Protein backbone atom coordinates (compact mmCIF):
# COMPACT_ATOMS: atom_id res chain seq x y z
CA ARG A 1 -5.58 -60.68 -152.08
CA GLU A 2 -3.89 -62.41 -154.93
CA ASN A 3 -2.40 -65.33 -153.01
CA GLY A 4 -4.77 -68.00 -151.80
CA SER A 5 -8.03 -66.34 -152.82
CA GLU A 6 -8.65 -68.86 -155.59
CA ASN A 7 -8.33 -71.80 -153.20
CA ILE A 8 -11.00 -70.62 -150.74
CA LEU A 9 -13.58 -70.10 -153.49
CA SER A 10 -12.94 -73.21 -155.56
CA SER A 11 -13.62 -76.14 -153.24
CA ALA A 12 -15.16 -79.13 -155.02
CA ASN A 13 -16.98 -80.08 -151.79
CA ARG A 14 -18.63 -76.68 -151.19
CA LEU A 15 -22.43 -76.54 -151.19
CA LEU A 16 -24.64 -73.46 -151.28
CA LEU A 17 -27.15 -74.01 -148.47
CA HIS A 18 -29.08 -70.73 -148.52
CA GLU A 19 -28.97 -67.23 -149.96
CA GLY A 20 -31.01 -64.09 -149.50
CA ARG A 21 -31.27 -60.39 -148.78
CA LEU A 22 -30.81 -58.90 -145.36
CA MET A 23 -30.57 -55.46 -143.79
CA LEU A 24 -27.31 -55.15 -141.87
CA ALA A 25 -27.07 -52.57 -139.07
CA GLU A 26 -23.73 -50.82 -139.54
CA SER A 27 -23.07 -48.18 -136.83
CA THR A 28 -25.43 -45.34 -137.86
CA ARG A 29 -27.01 -46.73 -141.03
CA LEU A 30 -28.69 -49.77 -142.51
CA LEU A 31 -26.92 -51.58 -145.33
CA ASP A 32 -28.70 -53.67 -147.97
CA VAL A 33 -26.70 -56.92 -148.20
CA TYR A 34 -27.03 -60.30 -149.89
CA LEU A 35 -25.82 -63.35 -147.96
CA PHE A 36 -24.54 -66.64 -149.33
CA LEU A 37 -24.46 -69.43 -146.74
CA PHE A 38 -22.22 -72.30 -147.81
CA ASN A 39 -21.56 -75.48 -145.85
CA ASP A 40 -18.19 -74.09 -144.71
CA PHE A 41 -18.50 -70.27 -144.62
CA LEU A 42 -20.82 -67.27 -144.77
CA LEU A 43 -20.20 -64.70 -147.50
CA ILE A 44 -21.66 -61.21 -147.05
CA THR A 45 -21.94 -59.08 -150.18
CA LYS A 46 -23.07 -55.51 -150.63
CA ILE A 47 -25.87 -54.92 -153.12
CA LYS A 48 -25.07 -52.26 -155.70
CA ARG A 49 -27.33 -50.92 -158.38
CA ASN A 50 -25.90 -49.94 -161.73
CA LYS A 51 -27.15 -46.65 -163.18
CA LYS A 52 -27.19 -48.08 -166.72
CA LYS A 53 -28.85 -51.29 -167.80
CA TYR A 54 -26.93 -53.74 -169.94
CA GLY A 55 -27.67 -54.38 -173.61
CA GLY A 56 -30.15 -51.62 -174.28
CA SER A 57 -33.82 -52.34 -173.77
CA ASP A 58 -33.79 -56.16 -173.90
CA THR A 59 -32.28 -57.24 -170.59
CA SER A 60 -33.61 -60.80 -170.96
CA LEU A 61 -30.54 -61.62 -173.08
CA ILE A 62 -28.13 -61.16 -170.15
CA PRO A 63 -26.66 -64.55 -169.19
CA VAL A 64 -27.44 -65.40 -165.57
CA CYS A 65 -26.43 -68.54 -163.68
CA PRO A 66 -29.48 -70.86 -163.51
CA PHE A 67 -28.81 -71.93 -159.90
CA LEU A 68 -29.33 -68.40 -158.52
CA THR A 69 -32.68 -67.52 -156.96
CA PRO A 70 -35.20 -65.78 -159.23
CA GLU A 71 -34.85 -62.66 -157.03
CA LEU A 72 -31.09 -62.47 -157.61
CA GLN A 73 -31.44 -63.28 -161.33
CA SER A 74 -33.93 -60.43 -161.71
CA PHE A 75 -31.68 -58.06 -159.77
CA ILE A 76 -28.71 -58.87 -162.05
CA ARG A 77 -30.83 -58.41 -165.19
CA GLU A 78 -31.75 -54.94 -163.91
CA GLY A 79 -28.05 -54.03 -163.85
CA GLY A 80 -27.39 -54.79 -160.18
CA PHE A 81 -24.41 -56.64 -158.81
CA CYS A 82 -22.92 -57.78 -155.51
CA THR A 83 -19.46 -56.99 -154.20
CA VAL A 84 -17.86 -58.88 -151.33
CA LEU A 85 -18.16 -56.78 -148.20
CA ASP A 86 -15.55 -58.56 -146.08
CA GLN A 87 -13.63 -61.81 -145.87
CA PRO A 88 -15.78 -64.97 -145.76
CA ILE A 89 -16.64 -66.03 -142.21
CA PRO A 90 -15.80 -69.70 -141.52
CA LEU A 91 -18.78 -71.43 -139.91
CA ASP A 92 -16.60 -72.94 -137.19
CA ARG A 93 -15.84 -69.36 -136.02
CA LEU A 94 -19.41 -68.04 -136.31
CA ILE A 95 -21.77 -67.67 -133.35
CA LEU A 96 -25.47 -67.02 -133.95
CA LYS A 97 -27.73 -65.47 -131.34
CA ASN A 98 -31.41 -64.56 -131.33
CA VAL A 99 -32.00 -60.90 -130.60
CA GLU A 100 -35.16 -58.96 -130.02
CA PRO A 101 -36.30 -56.77 -132.93
CA ILE A 102 -35.51 -53.08 -132.50
């Protein structure tokens, strides 16, 4: 959406608490996702792999944000990227439950 999307992502008080990969069970298939847990919402992104690598053979020249985990930095250097899967989930509307492994 054009209206209001800048405001939700540009809070000066927002902190990144944790990030990491996860397999999300989506109806009949498993989806490789990357989660970003902020102090006010959870952002679920879908991991996509680019067929072509950037910049020829030397991918070490690709600028990557230094605050990202080494795993995510490496993934981006290999031509991967994350797209937002759905709207961010506010933490005050999120319920977590332990479930038994399948």
